[in-house]
Amino acid sequence: MDRNTVGLISATALFVVYAIFAATSSLPPSTSPGNWSGLSIVADGVILILLGYGVFYFWSVRT
C-alpha cells in the first residue's frame, strides 16, 4: 500500500473511533461547547481526519 492509502485508512479509523466516542461521551465537542449538534461532531471529525492524515503521511514519508 502506498502512503495515501495508509493515510486514508488511518484517518477513517480515527473518525470511526471519534464518532463512537462522541456518541457515548457527555463531553461537549471543542468546536461548539455544550452543544451536541451533528454539525459540531462532523467539524471535530474533519479536524481529527486532517490531523491524523497529516501525521501518518509524514510518518510514512520518513520510513
N, C-alpha and C. Protein backbone atom coordinates (compact mmCIF):
# COMPACT_ATOMS: atom_id res chain seq x y z
N MET A 1 0.84 -1.20 0.00
CA MET A 1 0.00 0.00 0.00
C MET A 1 0.88 1.26 0.00
N ASP A 2 0.44 2.25 -0.75
CA ASP A 2 1.18 3.50 -0.72
C ASP A 2 0.74 4.35 0.46
N ARG A 3 1.44 5.44 0.68
CA ARG A 3 1.17 6.23 1.89
C ARG A 3 -0.19 6.92 1.85
N ASN A 4 -0.71 7.20 0.66
CA ASN A 4 -2.04 7.81 0.58
C ASN A 4 -3.10 6.85 1.10
N THR A 5 -2.98 5.57 0.73
CA THR A 5 -3.93 4.56 1.19
C THR A 5 -3.84 4.39 2.70
N VAL A 6 -2.61 4.32 3.21
CA VAL A 6 -2.41 4.17 4.65
C VAL A 6 -2.98 5.37 5.39
N GLY A 7 -2.75 6.56 4.87
CA GLY A 7 -3.26 7.76 5.50
C GLY A 7 -4.78 7.79 5.52
N LEU A 8 -5.38 7.38 4.41
CA LEU A 8 -6.84 7.38 4.32
C LEU A 8 -7.45 6.37 5.29
N ILE A 9 -6.88 5.17 5.35
CA ILE A 9 -7.37 4.15 6.27
C ILE A 9 -7.22 4.61 7.72
N SER A 10 -6.08 5.20 8.03
CA SER A 10 -5.82 5.67 9.38
C SER A 10 -6.79 6.79 9.77
N ALA A 11 -7.02 7.72 8.85
CA ALA A 11 -7.93 8.82 9.11
C ALA A 11 -9.36 8.32 9.30
N THR A 12 -9.76 7.36 8.48
CA THR A 12 -11.10 6.79 8.61
C THR A 12 -11.26 6.09 9.95
N ALA A 13 -10.25 5.33 10.35
CA ALA A 13 -10.30 4.65 11.64
C ALA A 13 -10.40 5.65 12.79
N LEU A 14 -9.63 6.74 12.70
CA LEU A 14 -9.70 7.79 13.72
C LEU A 14 -11.10 8.38 13.80
N PHE A 15 -11.70 8.63 12.63
CA PHE A 15 -13.03 9.22 12.61
C PHE A 15 -14.07 8.28 13.22
N VAL A 16 -13.97 6.98 12.91
CA VAL A 16 -14.90 5.99 13.47
C VAL A 16 -14.78 5.95 14.99
N VAL A 17 -13.53 5.90 15.47
CA VAL A 17 -13.31 5.90 16.92
C VAL A 17 -13.87 7.16 17.55
N TYR A 18 -13.63 8.30 16.89
CA TYR A 18 -14.14 9.57 17.41
C TYR A 18 -15.66 9.60 17.42
N ALA A 19 -16.28 9.10 16.35
CA ALA A 19 -17.74 9.11 16.26
C ALA A 19 -18.35 8.28 17.38
N ILE A 20 -17.75 7.12 17.66
CA ILE A 20 -18.23 6.28 18.76
C ILE A 20 -18.06 7.01 20.09
N PHE A 21 -16.89 7.62 20.27
CA PHE A 21 -16.63 8.38 21.49
C PHE A 21 -17.62 9.53 21.65
N ALA A 22 -17.85 10.25 20.55
CA ALA A 22 -18.74 11.41 20.59
C ALA A 22 -20.17 10.99 20.93
N ALA A 23 -20.57 9.84 20.41
CA ALA A 23 -21.94 9.38 20.64
C ALA A 23 -22.15 8.90 22.07
N THR A 24 -21.09 8.45 22.73
CA THR A 24 -21.23 7.87 24.06
C THR A 24 -20.69 8.78 25.16
N SER A 25 -20.11 9.92 24.78
CA SER A 25 -19.48 10.79 25.77
C SER A 25 -20.39 11.95 26.13
N SER A 26 -20.23 12.47 27.34
CA SER A 26 -21.01 13.63 27.77
C SER A 26 -20.21 14.92 27.59
N LEU A 27 -18.97 14.79 27.10
CA LEU A 27 -18.15 15.98 26.89
C LEU A 27 -18.60 16.72 25.63
N PRO A 28 -18.66 18.04 25.70
CA PRO A 28 -19.03 18.81 24.51
C PRO A 28 -17.89 18.83 23.50
N PRO A 29 -18.18 18.90 22.21
CA PRO A 29 -17.12 19.00 21.20
C PRO A 29 -16.42 20.35 21.29
N SER A 30 -15.17 20.37 20.92
CA SER A 30 -14.38 21.59 21.06
C SER A 30 -14.89 22.72 20.17
N THR A 31 -15.52 22.37 19.06
CA THR A 31 -15.94 23.39 18.10
C THR A 31 -17.20 24.12 18.54
N SER A 32 -17.99 23.53 19.42
CA SER A 32 -19.18 24.22 19.93
C SER A 32 -19.49 23.73 21.33
N PRO A 33 -18.89 24.31 22.33
CA PRO A 33 -19.01 23.83 23.71
C PRO A 33 -20.46 23.73 24.18
N GLY A 34 -20.78 22.59 24.75
CA GLY A 34 -22.09 22.40 25.35
C GLY A 34 -23.20 22.06 24.37
N ASN A 35 -22.88 21.92 23.09
CA ASN A 35 -23.93 21.69 22.09
C ASN A 35 -23.58 20.45 21.27
N TRP A 36 -24.34 19.37 21.49
CA TRP A 36 -24.07 18.14 20.74
C TRP A 36 -24.85 18.09 19.44
N SER A 37 -24.61 19.08 18.57
CA SER A 37 -25.25 19.03 17.26
C SER A 37 -24.42 18.16 16.33
N GLY A 38 -25.07 17.61 15.31
CA GLY A 38 -24.35 16.77 14.36
C GLY A 38 -23.24 17.53 13.66
N LEU A 39 -23.48 18.82 13.41
CA LEU A 39 -22.51 19.63 12.69
C LEU A 39 -21.21 19.75 13.47
N SER A 40 -21.31 19.93 14.79
CA SER A 40 -20.10 20.09 15.60
C SER A 40 -19.32 18.79 15.66
N ILE A 41 -20.03 17.66 15.69
CA ILE A 41 -19.35 16.36 15.68
C ILE A 41 -18.60 16.18 14.37
N VAL A 42 -19.24 16.54 13.27
CA VAL A 42 -18.59 16.44 11.95
C VAL A 42 -17.38 17.37 11.88
N ALA A 43 -17.52 18.58 12.42
CA ALA A 43 -16.42 19.55 12.38
C ALA A 43 -15.21 19.01 13.14
N ASP A 44 -15.45 18.48 14.35
CA ASP A 44 -14.35 17.89 15.12
C ASP A 44 -13.77 16.69 14.37
N GLY A 45 -14.64 15.90 13.74
CA GLY A 45 -14.17 14.74 12.99
C GLY A 45 -13.27 15.13 11.83
N VAL A 46 -13.65 16.19 11.12
CA VAL A 46 -12.84 16.67 10.00
C VAL A 46 -11.47 17.13 10.49
N ILE A 47 -11.46 17.85 11.62
CA ILE A 47 -10.18 18.30 12.20
C ILE A 47 -9.31 17.09 12.52
N LEU A 48 -9.91 16.07 13.15
CA LEU A 48 -9.15 14.87 13.51
C LEU A 48 -8.65 14.14 12.27
N ILE A 49 -9.49 14.08 11.23
CA ILE A 49 -9.08 13.41 9.99
C ILE A 49 -7.86 14.11 9.39
N LEU A 50 -7.90 15.44 9.34
CA LEU A 50 -6.78 16.19 8.79
C LEU A 50 -5.52 15.98 9.61
N LEU A 51 -5.65 16.03 10.94
CA LEU A 51 -4.50 15.80 11.81
C LEU A 51 -3.96 14.39 11.63
N GLY A 52 -4.85 13.41 11.66
CA GLY A 52 -4.43 12.02 11.53
C GLY A 52 -3.78 11.73 10.19
N TYR A 53 -4.38 12.27 9.13
CA TYR A 53 -3.83 12.06 7.79
C TYR A 53 -2.44 12.68 7.69
N GLY A 54 -2.30 13.89 8.23
CA GLY A 54 -1.01 14.57 8.19
C GLY A 54 0.06 13.80 8.94
N VAL A 55 -0.28 13.32 10.14
CA VAL A 55 0.68 12.58 10.96
C VAL A 55 1.13 11.31 10.24
N PHE A 56 0.18 10.52 9.75
CA PHE A 56 0.54 9.26 9.10
C PHE A 56 1.24 9.50 7.76
N TYR A 57 0.88 10.59 7.08
CA TYR A 57 1.53 10.90 5.81
C TYR A 57 3.01 11.20 6.03
N PHE A 58 3.29 12.09 6.98
CA PHE A 58 4.68 12.46 7.22
C PHE A 58 5.47 11.31 7.84
N TRP A 59 4.79 10.50 8.67
CA TRP A 59 5.46 9.33 9.24
C TRP A 59 5.86 8.35 8.15
N SER A 60 4.97 8.16 7.16
CA SER A 60 5.26 7.21 6.10
C SER A 60 6.33 7.75 5.15
N VAL A 61 6.44 9.05 5.03
CA VAL A 61 7.49 9.64 4.20
C VAL A 61 8.85 9.39 4.83
N ARG A 62 8.91 9.45 6.16
CA ARG A 62 10.18 9.26 6.87
C ARG A 62 10.65 7.81 6.79
N THR A 63 9.74 6.86 6.77
CA THR A 63 10.13 5.45 6.82
C THR A 63 10.34 4.88 5.43
